[in-house]
Amino acid sequence: MGNISLAIPGQVAQGPTREGVHSVGGTKAKKVDIRLIAATNKELEKMIKEGTFREDLYYRLNIVR
């Protein structure tokens, strides 16, 4: 996760919400069950302070350990 551009983590962070996901052109949310496994050897807390990693994504990835 620490090696990808800032745009991609944003898409992950904005991904599925509790309401579900919307398909392109869709009007109703569809429930999904997603499990995301992410790993890095980078110091993400340091990267957040430097502005090279999104704090909101860090929070979402750390909700469940």
PDB file of N, CA and C in Angstrom:
ATOM      1  N   MET A   1       0.813  -1.197   0.000  1.00  0.00           N
ATOM      2  CA  MET A   1       0.000   0.000   0.000  1.00  0.00           C
ATOM      3  C   MET A   1       0.854   1.257   0.000  1.00  0.00           C
ATOM      4  N   GLY A   2       2.034   1.186   0.552  1.00  0.00           N
ATOM      5  CA  GLY A   2       2.871   2.371   0.633  1.00  0.00           C
ATOM      6  C   GLY A   2       3.539   2.746  -0.671  1.00  0.00           C
ATOM      7  N   ASN A   3       3.460   1.890  -1.694  1.00  0.00           N
ATOM      8  CA  ASN A   3       4.159   2.141  -2.956  1.00  0.00           C
ATOM      9  C   ASN A   3       3.254   2.603  -4.093  1.00  0.00           C
ATOM     10  N   ILE A   4       1.954   2.748  -3.860  1.00  0.00           N
ATOM     11  CA  ILE A   4       1.061   3.121  -4.949  1.00  0.00           C
ATOM     12  C   ILE A   4       0.771   4.621  -4.911  1.00  0.00           C
ATOM     13  N   SER A   5       0.315   5.149  -6.039  1.00  0.00           N
ATOM     14  CA  SER A   5       0.070   6.596  -6.134  1.00  0.00           C
ATOM     15  C   SER A   5      -1.062   7.009  -5.200  1.00  0.00           C
ATOM     16  N   LEU A   6      -1.133   8.302  -4.884  1.00  0.00           N
ATOM     17  CA  LEU A   6      -2.161   8.804  -3.975  1.00  0.00           C
ATOM     18  C   LEU A   6      -3.570   8.662  -4.547  1.00  0.00           C
ATOM     19  N   ALA A   7      -3.718   8.574  -5.853  1.00  0.00           N
ATOM     20  CA  ALA A   7      -5.053   8.465  -6.453  1.00  0.00           C
ATOM     21  C   ALA A   7      -5.681   7.099  -6.186  1.00  0.00           C
ATOM     22  N   ILE A   8      -4.905   6.058  -6.254  1.00  0.00           N
ATOM     23  CA  ILE A   8      -5.456   4.712  -6.079  1.00  0.00           C
ATOM     24  C   ILE A   8      -5.935   4.476  -4.649  1.00  0.00           C
ATOM     25  N   PRO A   9      -5.153   4.819  -3.611  1.00  0.00           N
ATOM     26  CA  PRO A   9      -5.693   4.637  -2.262  1.00  0.00           C
ATOM     27  C   PRO A   9      -6.984   5.416  -2.029  1.00  0.00           C
ATOM     28  N   GLY A  10      -7.127   6.541  -2.695  1.00  0.00           N
ATOM     29  CA  GLY A  10      -8.364   7.298  -2.577  1.00  0.00           C
ATOM     30  C   GLY A  10      -9.559   6.515  -3.085  1.00  0.00           C
ATOM     31  N   GLN A  11      -9.358   5.805  -4.163  1.00  0.00           N
ATOM     32  CA  GLN A  11     -10.434   4.974  -4.697  1.00  0.00           C
ATOM     33  C   GLN A  11     -10.763   3.841  -3.743  1.00  0.00           C
ATOM     34  N   VAL A  12      -9.754   3.286  -3.099  1.00  0.00           N
ATOM     35  CA  VAL A  12      -9.989   2.223  -2.124  1.00  0.00           C
ATOM     36  C   VAL A  12     -10.727   2.783  -0.919  1.00  0.00           C
ATOM     37  N   ALA A  13     -10.317   3.942  -0.445  1.00  0.00           N
ATOM     38  CA  ALA A  13     -10.942   4.546   0.725  1.00  0.00           C
ATOM     39  C   ALA A  13     -12.396   4.923   0.462  1.00  0.00           C
ATOM     40  N   GLN A  14     -12.707   5.315  -0.758  1.00  0.00           N
ATOM     41  CA  GLN A  14     -14.064   5.711  -1.090  1.00  0.00           C
ATOM     42  C   GLN A  14     -14.901   4.536  -1.563  1.00  0.00           C
ATOM     43  N   GLY A  15     -14.314   3.381  -1.603  1.00  0.00           N
ATOM     44  CA  GLY A  15     -14.981   2.179  -2.099  1.00  0.00           C
ATOM     45  C   GLY A  15     -16.263   1.864  -1.368  1.00  0.00           C
ATOM     46  N   PRO A  16     -16.472   0.643  -1.052  1.00  0.00           N
ATOM     47  CA  PRO A  16     -17.738   0.234  -0.442  1.00  0.00           C
ATOM     48  C   PRO A  16     -17.989   0.929   0.891  1.00  0.00           C
ATOM     49  N   THR A  17     -19.198   1.343   1.085  1.00  0.00           N
ATOM     50  CA  THR A  17     -19.628   1.918   2.353  1.00  0.00           C
ATOM     51  C   THR A  17     -20.619   0.968   2.989  1.00  0.00           C
ATOM     52  N   ARG A  18     -21.154   1.342   4.097  1.00  0.00           N
ATOM     53  CA  ARG A  18     -22.136   0.468   4.765  1.00  0.00           C
ATOM     54  C   ARG A  18     -23.398   0.287   3.925  1.00  0.00           C
ATOM     55  N   GLU A  19     -23.675   1.238   3.060  1.00  0.00           N
ATOM     56  CA  GLU A  19     -24.860   1.132   2.210  1.00  0.00           C
ATOM     57  C   GLU A  19     -24.643   0.135   1.073  1.00  0.00           C
ATOM     58  N   GLY A  20     -23.383  -0.129   0.731  1.00  0.00           N
ATOM     59  CA  GLY A  20     -23.066  -1.014  -0.385  1.00  0.00           C
ATOM     60  C   GLY A  20     -22.385  -0.235  -1.492  1.00  0.00           C
ATOM     61  N   VAL A  21     -22.413  -0.789  -2.691  1.00  0.00           N
ATOM     62  CA  VAL A  21     -21.795  -0.139  -3.844  1.00  0.00           C
ATOM     63  C   VAL A  21     -22.856   0.141  -4.898  1.00  0.00           C
ATOM     64  N   HIS A  22     -22.587   1.153  -5.696  1.00  0.00           N
ATOM     65  CA  HIS A  22     -23.480   1.491  -6.805  1.00  0.00           C
ATOM     66  C   HIS A  22     -22.797   1.103  -8.108  1.00  0.00           C
ATOM     67  N   SER A  23     -23.507   0.416  -8.970  1.00  0.00           N
ATOM     68  CA  SER A  23     -22.947   0.127 -10.284  1.00  0.00           C
ATOM     69  C   SER A  23     -23.034   1.390 -11.139  1.00  0.00           C
ATOM     70  N   VAL A  24     -22.241   1.450 -12.176  1.00  0.00           N
ATOM     71  CA  VAL A  24     -22.242   2.611 -13.056  1.00  0.00           C
ATOM     72  C   VAL A  24     -23.634   2.762 -13.656  1.00  0.00           C
ATOM     73  N   GLY A  25     -24.236   3.913 -13.461  1.00  0.00           N
ATOM     74  CA  GLY A  25     -25.572   4.175 -13.971  1.00  0.00           C
ATOM     75  C   GLY A  25     -26.676   3.625 -13.080  1.00  0.00           C
ATOM     76  N   GLY A  26     -26.316   2.941 -12.023  1.00  0.00           N
ATOM     77  CA  GLY A  26     -27.316   2.346 -11.126  1.00  0.00           C
ATOM     78  C   GLY A  26     -27.878   3.363 -10.158  1.00  0.00           C
ATOM     79  N   THR A  27     -29.055   3.070  -9.641  1.00  0.00           N
ATOM     80  CA  THR A  27     -29.687   3.965  -8.678  1.00  0.00           C
ATOM     81  C   THR A  27     -29.795   3.336  -7.296  1.00  0.00           C
ATOM     82  N   LYS A  28     -29.596   2.034  -7.195  1.00  0.00           N
ATOM     83  CA  LYS A  28     -29.702   1.355  -5.908  1.00  0.00           C
ATOM     84  C   LYS A  28     -28.347   0.788  -5.510  1.00  0.00           C
ATOM     85  N   ALA A  29     -28.102   0.818  -4.218  1.00  0.00           N
ATOM     86  CA  ALA A  29     -26.861   0.240  -3.696  1.00  0.00           C
ATOM     87  C   ALA A  29     -27.022  -1.274  -3.586  1.00  0.00           C
ATOM     88  N   LYS A  30     -25.947  -1.983  -3.896  1.00  0.00           N
ATOM     89  CA  LYS A  30     -25.943  -3.430  -3.759  1.00  0.00           C
ATOM     90  C   LYS A  30     -25.039  -3.793  -2.591  1.00  0.00           C
ATOM     91  N   LYS A  31     -25.527  -4.665  -1.716  1.00  0.00           N
ATOM     92  CA  LYS A  31     -24.735  -5.108  -0.574  1.00  0.00           C
ATOM     93  C   LYS A  31     -23.601  -6.000  -1.057  1.00  0.00           C
ATOM     94  N   VAL A  32     -22.432  -5.820  -0.508  1.00  0.00           N
ATOM     95  CA  VAL A  32     -21.275  -6.642  -0.854  1.00  0.00           C
ATOM     96  C   VAL A  32     -20.521  -7.003   0.424  1.00  0.00           C
ATOM     97  N   ASP A  33     -19.827  -8.110   0.369  1.00  0.00           N
ATOM     98  CA  ASP A  33     -18.976  -8.540   1.477  1.00  0.00           C
ATOM     99  C   ASP A  33     -17.553  -8.569   0.946  1.00  0.00           C
ATOM    100  N   ILE A  34     -16.748  -7.597   1.378  1.00  0.00           N
ATOM    101  CA  ILE A  34     -15.401  -7.458   0.851  1.00  0.00           C
ATOM    102  C   ILE A  34     -14.396  -7.627   1.978  1.00  0.00           C
ATOM    103  N   ARG A  35     -13.364  -8.397   1.701  1.00  0.00           N
ATOM    104  CA  ARG A  35     -12.234  -8.534   2.632  1.00  0.00           C
ATOM    105  C   ARG A  35     -11.004  -8.035   1.899  1.00  0.00           C
ATOM    106  N   LEU A  36     -10.314  -7.099   2.484  1.00  0.00           N
ATOM    107  CA  LEU A  36      -9.134  -6.515   1.862  1.00  0.00           C
ATOM    108  C   LEU A  36      -7.919  -6.841   2.718  1.00  0.00           C
ATOM    109  N   ILE A  37      -6.929  -7.437   2.098  1.00  0.00           N
ATOM    110  CA  ILE A  37      -5.670  -7.721   2.781  1.00  0.00           C
ATOM    111  C   ILE A  37      -4.624  -6.796   2.188  1.00  0.00           C
ATOM    112  N   ALA A  38      -3.998  -6.011   3.051  1.00  0.00           N
ATOM    113  CA  ALA A  38      -3.003  -5.047   2.590  1.00  0.00           C
ATOM    114  C   ALA A  38      -1.748  -5.175   3.442  1.00  0.00           C
ATOM    115  N   ALA A  39      -0.597  -4.998   2.809  1.00  0.00           N
ATOM    116  CA  ALA A  39       0.668  -5.063   3.530  1.00  0.00           C
ATOM    117  C   ALA A  39       1.654  -4.076   2.931  1.00  0.00           C
ATOM    118  N   THR A  40       2.573  -3.627   3.764  1.00  0.00           N
ATOM    119  CA  THR A  40       3.635  -2.736   3.309  1.00  0.00           C
ATOM    120  C   THR A  40       4.821  -2.837   4.257  1.00  0.00           C
ATOM    121  N   ASN A  41       5.969  -2.477   3.759  1.00  0.00           N
ATOM    122  CA  ASN A  41       7.146  -2.397   4.613  1.00  0.00           C
ATOM    123  C   ASN A  41       7.520  -0.942   4.872  1.00  0.00           C
ATOM    124  N   LYS A  42       6.633  -0.035   4.532  1.00  0.00           N
ATOM    125  CA  LYS A  42       6.866   1.406   4.705  1.00  0.00           C
ATOM    126  C   LYS A  42       6.358   1.862   6.070  1.00  0.00           C
ATOM    127  N   GLU A  43       6.893   2.969   6.559  1.00  0.00           N
ATOM    128  CA  GLU A  43       6.428   3.578   7.798  1.00  0.00           C
ATOM    129  C   GLU A  43       5.265   4.513   7.458  1.00  0.00           C
ATOM    130  N   LEU A  44       4.041   3.985   7.529  1.00  0.00           N
ATOM    131  CA  LEU A  44       2.875   4.740   7.066  1.00  0.00           C
ATOM    132  C   LEU A  44       2.618   5.978   7.914  1.00  0.00           C
ATOM    133  N   GLU A  45       2.854   5.911   9.219  1.00  0.00           N
ATOM    134  CA  GLU A  45       2.645   7.094  10.054  1.00  0.00           C
ATOM    135  C   GLU A  45       3.556   8.240   9.595  1.00  0.00           C
ATOM    136  N   LYS A  46       4.790   7.923   9.270  1.00  0.00           N
ATOM    137  CA  LYS A  46       5.735   8.934   8.771  1.00  0.00           C
ATOM    138  C   LYS A  46       5.268   9.460   7.410  1.00  0.00           C
ATOM    139  N   MET A  47       4.787   8.562   6.554  1.00  0.00           N
ATOM    140  CA  MET A  47       4.316   8.975   5.229  1.00  0.00           C
ATOM    141  C   MET A  47       3.099   9.886   5.331  1.00  0.00           C
ATOM    142  N   ILE A  48       2.233   9.642   6.316  1.00  0.00           N
ATOM    143  CA  ILE A  48       1.072  10.516   6.516  1.00  0.00           C
ATOM    144  C   ILE A  48       1.542  11.923   6.855  1.00  0.00           C
ATOM    145  N   LYS A  49       2.507  12.019   7.767  1.00  0.00           N
ATOM    146  CA  LYS A  49       3.032  13.337   8.155  1.00  0.00           C
ATOM    147  C   LYS A  49       3.684  14.052   6.980  1.00  0.00           C
ATOM    148  N   GLU A  50       4.323  13.289   6.074  1.00  0.00           N
ATOM    149  CA  GLU A  50       4.967  13.870   4.895  1.00  0.00           C
ATOM    150  C   GLU A  50       3.972  14.176   3.782  1.00  0.00           C
ATOM    151  N   GLY A  51       2.738  13.691   3.923  1.00  0.00           N
ATOM    152  CA  GLY A  51       1.717  13.918   2.908  1.00  0.00           C
ATOM    153  C   GLY A  51       1.794  12.958   1.728  1.00  0.00           C
ATOM    154  N   THR A  52       2.467  11.827   1.895  1.00  0.00           N
ATOM    155  CA  THR A  52       2.599  10.867   0.797  1.00  0.00           C
ATOM    156  C   THR A  52       1.707   9.648   0.970  1.00  0.00           C
ATOM    157  N   PHE A  53       0.926   9.591   2.062  1.00  0.00           N
ATOM    158  CA  PHE A  53      -0.056   8.518   2.247  1.00  0.00           C
ATOM    159  C   PHE A  53      -1.285   9.134   2.894  1.00  0.00           C
ATOM    160  N   ARG A  54      -2.455   8.668   2.472  1.00  0.00           N
ATOM    161  CA  ARG A  54      -3.710   9.255   2.932  1.00  0.00           C
ATOM    162  C   ARG A  54      -4.071   8.780   4.336  1.00  0.00           C
ATOM    163  N   GLU A  55      -4.324   9.729   5.220  1.00  0.00           N
ATOM    164  CA  GLU A  55      -4.678   9.388   6.599  1.00  0.00           C
ATOM    165  C   GLU A  55      -6.021   8.663   6.675  1.00  0.00           C
ATOM    166  N   ASP A  56      -6.976   9.045   5.839  1.00  0.00           N
ATOM    167  CA  ASP A  56      -8.282   8.383   5.875  1.00  0.00           C
ATOM    168  C   ASP A  56      -8.182   6.914   5.482  1.00  0.00           C
ATOM    169  N   LEU A  57      -7.323   6.590   4.524  1.00  0.00           N
ATOM    170  CA  LEU A  57      -7.135   5.196   4.130  1.00  0.00           C
ATOM    171  C   LEU A  57      -6.430   4.431   5.244  1.00  0.00           C
ATOM    172  N   TYR A  58      -5.451   5.045   5.878  1.00  0.00           N
ATOM    173  CA  TYR A  58      -4.752   4.412   6.992  1.00  0.00           C
ATOM    174  C   TYR A  58      -5.749   4.040   8.087  1.00  0.00           C
ATOM    175  N   TYR A  59      -6.651   4.958   8.395  1.00  0.00           N
ATOM    176  CA  TYR A  59      -7.664   4.700   9.419  1.00  0.00           C
ATOM    177  C   TYR A  59      -8.556   3.526   9.014  1.00  0.00           C
ATOM    178  N   ARG A  60      -9.025   3.523   7.785  1.00  0.00           N
ATOM    179  CA  ARG A  60      -9.907   2.439   7.328  1.00  0.00           C
ATOM    180  C   ARG A  60      -9.211   1.085   7.337  1.00  0.00           C
ATOM    181  N   LEU A  61      -7.941   1.057   6.993  1.00  0.00           N
ATOM    182  CA  LEU A  61      -7.212  -0.205   6.999  1.00  0.00           C
ATOM    183  C   LEU A  61      -6.920  -0.694   8.413  1.00  0.00           C
ATOM    184  N   ASN A  62      -6.871   0.204   9.375  1.00  0.00           N
ATOM    185  CA  ASN A  62      -6.553  -0.168  10.751  1.00  0.00           C
ATOM    186  C   ASN A  62      -7.762  -0.395  11.639  1.00  0.00           C
ATOM    187  N   ILE A  63      -8.956  -0.318  11.106  1.00  0.00           N
ATOM    188  CA  ILE A  63     -10.154  -0.516  11.927  1.00  0.00           C
ATOM    189  C   ILE A  63     -10.158  -1.919  12.527  1.00  0.00           C
ATOM    190  N   VAL A  64      -9.863  -2.909  11.723  1.00  0.00           N
ATOM    191  CA  VAL A  64      -9.849  -4.295  12.182  1.00  0.00           C
ATOM    192  C   VAL A  64      -8.442  -4.835  12.013  1.00  0.00           C
ATOM    193  N   ARG A  65      -7.905  -5.385  13.068  1.00  0.00           N
ATOM    194  CA  ARG A  65      -6.575  -5.993  12.989  1.00  0.00           C
ATOM    195  C   ARG A  65      -6.667  -7.438  13.332  1.00  0.00           C
TER     196      ARG A  65
END
